[in-house]
Protein backbone atom coordinates (compact mmCIF):
# COMPACT_ATOMS: atom_id res chain seq x y z
CA MET A 1 215.82 -213.94 -68.86
CA SER A 2 217.31 -211.63 -66.27
CA SER A 3 214.85 -209.91 -63.91
CA LEU A 4 216.01 -206.52 -65.29
CA PRO A 5 216.81 -205.56 -69.01
CA GLN A 6 220.27 -206.41 -70.01
CA ARG A 7 221.98 -204.58 -73.35
CA THR A 8 223.44 -207.36 -75.06
CA HIS A 9 223.40 -206.30 -78.92
CA ILE A 10 225.00 -203.03 -80.28
CA TYR A 11 222.61 -201.70 -83.13
CA GLN A 12 224.59 -199.69 -86.10
CA ASN A 13 223.57 -199.27 -89.78
CA HIS A 14 222.17 -196.76 -92.25
CA HIS A 15 219.86 -195.39 -89.61
CA PHE A 16 220.98 -195.57 -86.31
CA ASP A 17 223.71 -196.36 -83.86
CA SER A 18 223.02 -197.73 -80.53
CA THR A 19 226.28 -196.38 -78.59
CA ARG A 20 224.69 -193.03 -78.73
CA TRP A 21 222.90 -193.72 -75.72
CA ASP A 22 226.30 -194.16 -73.79
CA TYR A 23 226.82 -190.45 -73.58
CA PHE A 24 223.19 -189.47 -72.41
CA GLU A 25 222.84 -188.40 -68.90
CA PRO A 26 219.29 -189.41 -67.58
CA ARG A 27 217.00 -187.28 -65.35
CA SER A 28 215.02 -189.03 -62.81
CA ASP A 29 211.84 -188.08 -64.64
CA ASP A 30 212.55 -188.77 -68.25
CA ILE A 31 210.38 -190.50 -70.73
CA VAL A 32 211.19 -192.50 -73.56
CA ILE A 33 208.91 -193.37 -76.46
CA ALA A 34 209.65 -196.49 -78.21
CA THR A 35 208.59 -198.39 -81.07
CA SER A 36 210.24 -200.58 -83.85
CA TYR A 37 208.91 -198.10 -86.70
CA LYS A 38 205.88 -197.04 -88.31
CA ALA A 39 203.66 -197.91 -85.21
CA GLY A 40 202.33 -194.67 -84.01
CA THR A 41 205.75 -193.00 -82.95
CA THR A 42 205.06 -189.67 -84.08
CA TRP A 43 201.50 -189.90 -82.58
CA THR A 44 202.83 -190.49 -79.38
CA GLN A 45 205.41 -187.84 -79.48
CA ALA A 46 202.40 -185.45 -79.85
CA ILE A 47 200.26 -187.05 -77.02
CA VAL A 48 203.02 -186.39 -74.79
CA ALA A 49 203.55 -183.37 -75.95
CA HIS A 50 199.85 -182.16 -75.26
CA LEU A 51 199.96 -183.76 -72.16
CA LEU A 52 203.05 -181.71 -70.58
CA PHE A 53 201.93 -178.56 -72.49
CA GLN A 54 198.20 -178.60 -72.07
CA ASP A 55 197.85 -175.21 -73.64
CA GLY A 56 199.04 -176.22 -76.59
CA LYS A 57 201.96 -173.90 -76.75
CA PHE A 58 205.08 -175.74 -77.33
CA PRO A 59 208.63 -174.32 -77.01
CA ALA A 60 209.60 -176.13 -80.18
CA PRO A 61 207.89 -178.85 -82.60
CA PRO A 62 207.32 -181.93 -80.71
CA ALA A 63 209.77 -183.71 -83.14
CA GLU A 64 212.54 -181.00 -82.04
CA MET A 65 211.48 -181.42 -78.14
CA SER A 66 211.64 -185.07 -78.63
CA PRO A 67 214.52 -186.16 -80.86
CA TRP A 68 215.28 -189.67 -82.00
CA LEU A 69 218.47 -189.98 -79.80
CA ASP A 70 219.96 -193.41 -81.80
CA MET A 71 219.52 -191.51 -85.31
CA ARG A 72 222.82 -191.00 -86.45
CA ILE A 73 222.14 -187.96 -88.85
CA VAL A 74 222.09 -185.08 -86.43
CA PRO A 75 225.60 -185.16 -84.66
CA LEU A 76 225.36 -186.23 -81.17
CA GLU A 77 226.84 -183.46 -79.71
CA VAL A 78 224.01 -181.07 -80.79
CA VAL A 79 221.24 -183.76 -79.87
CA LEU A 80 222.70 -183.91 -76.11
CA ASN A 81 223.18 -180.20 -75.66
CA LYS A 82 219.54 -179.59 -76.76
CA LEU A 83 218.49 -182.06 -74.38
CA LYS A 84 220.96 -180.90 -71.48
CA ALA A 85 219.56 -177.29 -71.97
CA GLN A 86 215.63 -178.41 -71.98
CA GLN A 87 213.93 -177.36 -68.67
CA HIS A 88 210.65 -179.27 -69.04
CA ARG A 89 210.48 -182.72 -68.37
CA ARG A 90 212.35 -184.64 -71.31
CA PHE A 91 210.65 -187.04 -73.55
CA ILE A 92 213.16 -188.74 -76.10
CA LYS A 93 212.39 -190.96 -79.18
CA THR A 94 214.20 -194.49 -79.64
CA HIS A 95 213.53 -197.24 -82.42
CA LEU A 96 215.89 -199.22 -80.49
CA PRO A 97 214.78 -202.81 -79.22
CA LEU A 98 214.99 -203.09 -75.53
CA ASP A 99 218.29 -205.42 -75.54
CA GLY A 100 220.13 -202.74 -77.46
CA LEU A 101 219.21 -199.72 -74.91
CA PRO A 102 220.72 -198.94 -71.81
CA TYR A 103 217.84 -199.51 -69.17
CA ASN A 104 217.30 -197.01 -66.31
CA GLU A 105 215.16 -197.81 -63.38
CA ASN A 106 214.02 -193.97 -62.99
CA THR A 107 212.95 -193.67 -66.70
CA LYS A 108 209.38 -194.18 -67.59
CA TYR A 109 209.42 -196.32 -71.03
CA LEU A 110 206.31 -196.14 -73.62
CA TYR A 111 206.47 -198.88 -76.01
CA ILE A 112 203.78 -198.55 -78.72
CA ALA A 113 203.30 -201.63 -81.14
CA ARG A 114 201.38 -202.34 -84.06
CA ASP A 115 200.34 -205.71 -86.18
CA ALA A 116 203.48 -206.44 -88.23
CA ARG A 117 201.32 -206.41 -91.51
CA ASP A 118 200.11 -202.78 -90.81
CA VAL A 119 203.67 -201.69 -90.26
CA PHE A 120 204.89 -203.05 -93.34
CA MET A 121 201.97 -201.39 -95.47
CA SER A 122 203.20 -197.81 -93.67
CA LEU A 123 206.69 -198.79 -94.19
CA TRP A 124 206.26 -199.37 -97.47
CA ASN A 125 204.56 -195.84 -98.28
CA HIS A 126 207.45 -194.24 -96.15
CA TYR A 127 210.16 -195.99 -97.85
CA THR A 128 208.85 -195.39 -101.39
CA SER A 129 208.16 -191.60 -100.73
CA MET A 130 211.65 -190.87 -99.38
CA LYS A 131 213.77 -188.14 -101.30
CA ASP A 132 216.90 -188.86 -102.68
CA GLU A 133 218.36 -186.29 -100.14
CA MET A 134 217.61 -189.02 -97.19
CA PHE A 135 219.08 -191.36 -99.06
CA MET A 136 222.25 -189.69 -99.53
CA LEU A 137 222.29 -188.60 -95.95
CA MET A 138 221.70 -192.42 -94.77
CA ASN A 139 224.51 -193.72 -97.21
CA MET A 140 227.28 -191.02 -97.61
CA LEU A 141 227.31 -189.68 -94.13
CA VAL A 142 230.65 -190.78 -92.53
CA GLY A 143 230.70 -193.29 -90.02
CA ARG A 144 227.96 -195.49 -91.43
CA VAL A 145 228.34 -199.09 -90.23
CA GLY A 146 226.90 -202.30 -92.67
CA ASP A 147 225.24 -201.70 -95.96
CA GLU A 148 223.98 -199.00 -97.87
CA LEU A 149 219.88 -198.46 -97.40
CA PRO A 150 218.97 -199.64 -100.97
CA TYR A 151 216.34 -197.98 -102.98
CA PRO A 152 213.12 -199.91 -102.77
CA PRO A 153 211.97 -202.08 -105.34
CA GLU A 154 209.29 -201.16 -107.75
CA ASP A 155 207.03 -204.01 -106.52
CA ILE A 156 205.43 -204.20 -103.08
CA HIS A 157 205.89 -207.99 -103.35
CA ILE A 158 209.63 -208.08 -103.70
CA PHE A 159 209.70 -205.82 -100.67
CA TRP A 160 207.29 -208.00 -98.44
CA ARG A 161 209.37 -211.24 -99.42
CA ASN A 162 212.76 -209.38 -98.24
CA TRP A 163 211.40 -207.89 -95.14
CA ILE A 164 209.45 -211.08 -93.78
CA THR A 165 212.31 -213.70 -94.53
CA ARG A 166 215.41 -211.65 -94.30
CA GLY A 167 217.17 -210.03 -91.37
CA ALA A 168 219.27 -207.16 -91.25
CA PHE A 169 221.44 -208.39 -88.36
CA GLU A 170 222.96 -211.60 -87.64
CA TRP A 171 220.69 -212.35 -84.85
CA GLU A 172 217.43 -211.28 -86.48
CA ALA A 173 215.35 -213.03 -89.18
CA ASP A 174 212.99 -210.31 -90.66
CA GLY A 175 213.20 -206.78 -91.35
CA TRP A 176 215.57 -206.01 -94.08
CA PRO A 177 216.80 -203.67 -94.96
CA TYR A 178 215.67 -201.87 -91.76
CA TRP A 179 215.59 -204.15 -88.64
CA SER A 180 212.97 -206.69 -87.20
CA HIS A 181 209.74 -205.37 -86.13
CA LEU A 182 208.84 -208.53 -84.81
CA SER A 183 212.15 -209.24 -82.49
CA ASN A 184 211.89 -205.37 -81.18
CA VAL A 185 208.08 -206.02 -79.98
CA GLN A 186 209.42 -209.37 -78.31
CA SER A 187 212.12 -207.43 -76.55
CA TRP A 188 209.90 -204.91 -74.72
CA TRP A 189 207.08 -207.64 -74.40
CA ASN A 190 209.42 -209.67 -72.30
CA TYR A 191 209.63 -206.94 -69.60
CA ARG A 192 206.09 -205.58 -69.62
CA HIS A 193 205.83 -206.51 -66.00
CA LEU A 194 207.95 -203.82 -64.96
CA PRO A 195 206.52 -200.70 -63.38
CA ASN A 196 208.53 -198.52 -65.28
CA ILE A 197 207.59 -199.94 -69.03
CA GLN A 198 204.12 -199.88 -70.20
CA LEU A 199 202.89 -201.36 -73.44
CA PHE A 200 200.45 -199.74 -75.64
CA HIS A 201 198.90 -201.16 -78.73
CA TYR A 202 198.19 -198.81 -81.86
CA GLY A 203 195.00 -200.64 -82.61
CA ASP A 204 193.60 -199.85 -79.25
CA MET A 205 194.58 -196.12 -79.55
CA LEU A 206 192.51 -195.94 -82.99
CA GLU A 207 189.74 -197.96 -81.12
CA ASP A 208 189.47 -195.54 -78.02
CA THR A 209 191.82 -192.73 -78.34
CA GLU A 210 190.71 -190.61 -75.03
CA ARG A 211 190.92 -194.19 -73.19
CA GLU A 212 194.48 -194.84 -74.16
CA VAL A 213 195.61 -191.05 -73.71
CA ARG A 214 194.10 -191.44 -70.32
CA ARG A 215 196.15 -194.48 -69.54
CA ILE A 216 199.23 -192.64 -71.21
CA ALA A 217 198.58 -189.68 -68.78
CA ALA A 218 198.23 -191.88 -65.57
CA PHE A 219 201.44 -193.83 -66.32
CA LEU A 220 203.60 -190.74 -66.53
CA GLU A 221 201.69 -189.50 -63.22
CA ILE A 222 200.52 -185.92 -65.33
CA ASP A 223 197.54 -184.69 -64.01
CA VAL A 224 195.17 -183.16 -66.62
CA PRO A 225 191.91 -181.07 -65.45
CA GLU A 226 188.61 -182.70 -66.58
CA ASN A 227 187.73 -179.73 -68.80
CA THR A 228 191.45 -179.61 -70.45
CA TRP A 229 190.78 -183.49 -72.06
CA PRO A 230 188.60 -182.10 -75.41
CA ASP A 231 191.02 -179.89 -76.52
CA ILE A 232 193.73 -182.73 -76.01
CA ILE A 233 192.13 -185.38 -77.89
CA LYS A 234 191.05 -182.69 -80.46
CA ALA A 235 194.50 -181.80 -80.82
CA ILE A 236 195.95 -185.21 -81.27
CA SER A 237 193.41 -186.65 -83.86
CA PHE A 238 194.63 -187.80 -86.88
CA ASP A 239 192.90 -185.13 -88.96
CA GLU A 240 193.88 -182.23 -86.94
CA MET A 241 197.70 -183.63 -87.09
CA LYS A 242 197.60 -183.94 -90.60
CA CYS A 243 195.93 -180.15 -90.83
CA LYS A 244 199.18 -179.32 -88.88
CA GLY A 245 201.68 -182.09 -90.44
CA GLU A 246 204.65 -179.45 -90.22
CA LEU A 247 204.45 -179.21 -86.68
CA TYR A 248 204.59 -182.68 -86.09
CA ALA A 249 206.30 -184.58 -89.04
CA PRO A 250 210.08 -185.12 -88.40
CA GLY A 251 212.13 -182.27 -90.30
CA GLY A 252 208.57 -181.22 -91.09
CA GLY A 253 208.08 -183.72 -93.53
CA GLN A 254 210.81 -182.22 -95.78
CA PHE A 255 212.67 -185.60 -96.93
CA TRP A 256 209.50 -187.21 -98.18
CA LYS A 257 207.77 -186.55 -101.53
CA GLY A 258 204.65 -184.66 -100.85
CA GLY A 259 205.76 -183.43 -97.20
CA ALA A 260 204.52 -184.09 -94.21
CA LYS A 261 200.94 -184.79 -95.72
CA THR A 262 203.00 -187.96 -97.18
CA PHE A 263 204.62 -188.70 -93.77
CA LEU A 264 201.45 -188.77 -92.03
CA TYR A 265 199.46 -190.80 -94.55
CA LYS A 266 196.64 -192.96 -93.48
CA GLY A 267 196.92 -193.80 -90.32
CA THR A 268 194.68 -196.73 -90.85
CA ASN A 269 194.92 -200.67 -90.35
CA GLY A 270 194.14 -203.52 -92.44
CA ARG A 271 195.21 -202.47 -95.88
CA TRP A 272 197.33 -205.31 -96.13
CA ARG A 273 194.50 -207.49 -96.46
CA ASP A 274 193.95 -206.47 -100.03
CA ILE A 275 197.67 -206.75 -101.12
CA LEU A 276 199.23 -209.56 -99.53
CA SER A 277 198.27 -213.37 -100.66
CA ALA A 278 197.84 -216.49 -98.91
CA GLU A 279 201.37 -217.52 -99.82
CA GLU A 280 202.97 -214.45 -98.59
CA LEU A 281 200.65 -214.52 -95.28
CA ARG A 282 202.34 -218.04 -94.71
CA LEU A 283 205.68 -216.18 -94.63
CA TYR A 284 204.38 -214.05 -92.00
CA GLU A 285 203.23 -217.14 -90.08
CA ALA A 286 206.78 -218.38 -90.21
CA ALA A 287 208.34 -215.00 -89.06
CA CYS A 288 205.90 -214.94 -85.96
CA GLU A 289 206.67 -218.62 -85.13
CA ARG A 290 210.64 -217.64 -85.36
CA ALA A 291 210.29 -214.64 -83.28
CA LEU A 292 207.19 -214.20 -80.86
CA THR A 293 206.08 -216.04 -78.00
CA PRO A 294 202.26 -217.25 -78.32
CA ASP A 295 201.28 -214.63 -76.14
CA CYS A 296 203.02 -211.68 -77.80
CA ARG A 297 201.90 -212.72 -80.99
CA ARG A 298 198.17 -212.74 -80.07
CA TRP A 299 198.48 -209.41 -78.43
CA LEU A 300 200.39 -207.82 -81.36
CA GLU A 301 197.58 -209.09 -83.67
CA HIS A 302 194.36 -208.04 -81.43
CA GLY A 303 195.62 -205.77 -78.88
CA GLY A 304 194.13 -205.44 -75.44
CA PRO A 305 195.53 -206.07 -72.05
CA ASN A 306 198.78 -206.92 -72.00
């Protein structure tokens, strides 16, 4: 492994195109918020928005301020022009593994991870709630590389078997028809020692939100007056965000049946225990052995210091 992250793969599918980052002009104080998916991306975008705009007066909804740069639906020129016009400190979203992202030593990278079984449960809700219009955008938009995004199966167990045993890219072994959550986490875990990369765990953020948000603020070198903290923590609570779901959900939640309340669904962990059988969990064991180092797996399942 080299001392600094190297871009060794190009990721292109129905959702994203990693080459879009080739046209991005970084600034010295940029923030990148990274997850595989369904691991706290929208929550972290809201946290960073409230840290940067501590009075809660945003110039635009957080999902607009913090675009998913690799997502291929919005024309690249539109995304880049909006980012170029921003006068405030920028925070950009990505779902790319670190081996698909151009690394910049001046950028602060916030990576949020979550137990794969919890990610799966959240992804099932996300996938099965997508409107037909979203599938059309993914599949019919000119420039798609690879297969279409299929409609989800009716049975969650079929989806689990596909997701945990099939890769969507030839160098991955799980994640179909999206991309590998496990490989994504491992790619970031390998460089957690770098001063501009900091890993956070969704479970830790649920357990002690204020502690973890203070860690985020310290990492980003954002000063927050003590008397401001209660308002920030209240504003980024799940209940408060769900009440204002249209503000936080991508596109205001318009691409999901039930809107933003579906996109911001439960935010809880452990629901997989009532769904996945012992045999199905053995598939998870095998996937972890293929994709994760023991220390990364331990952290991914339990959180804590990394």
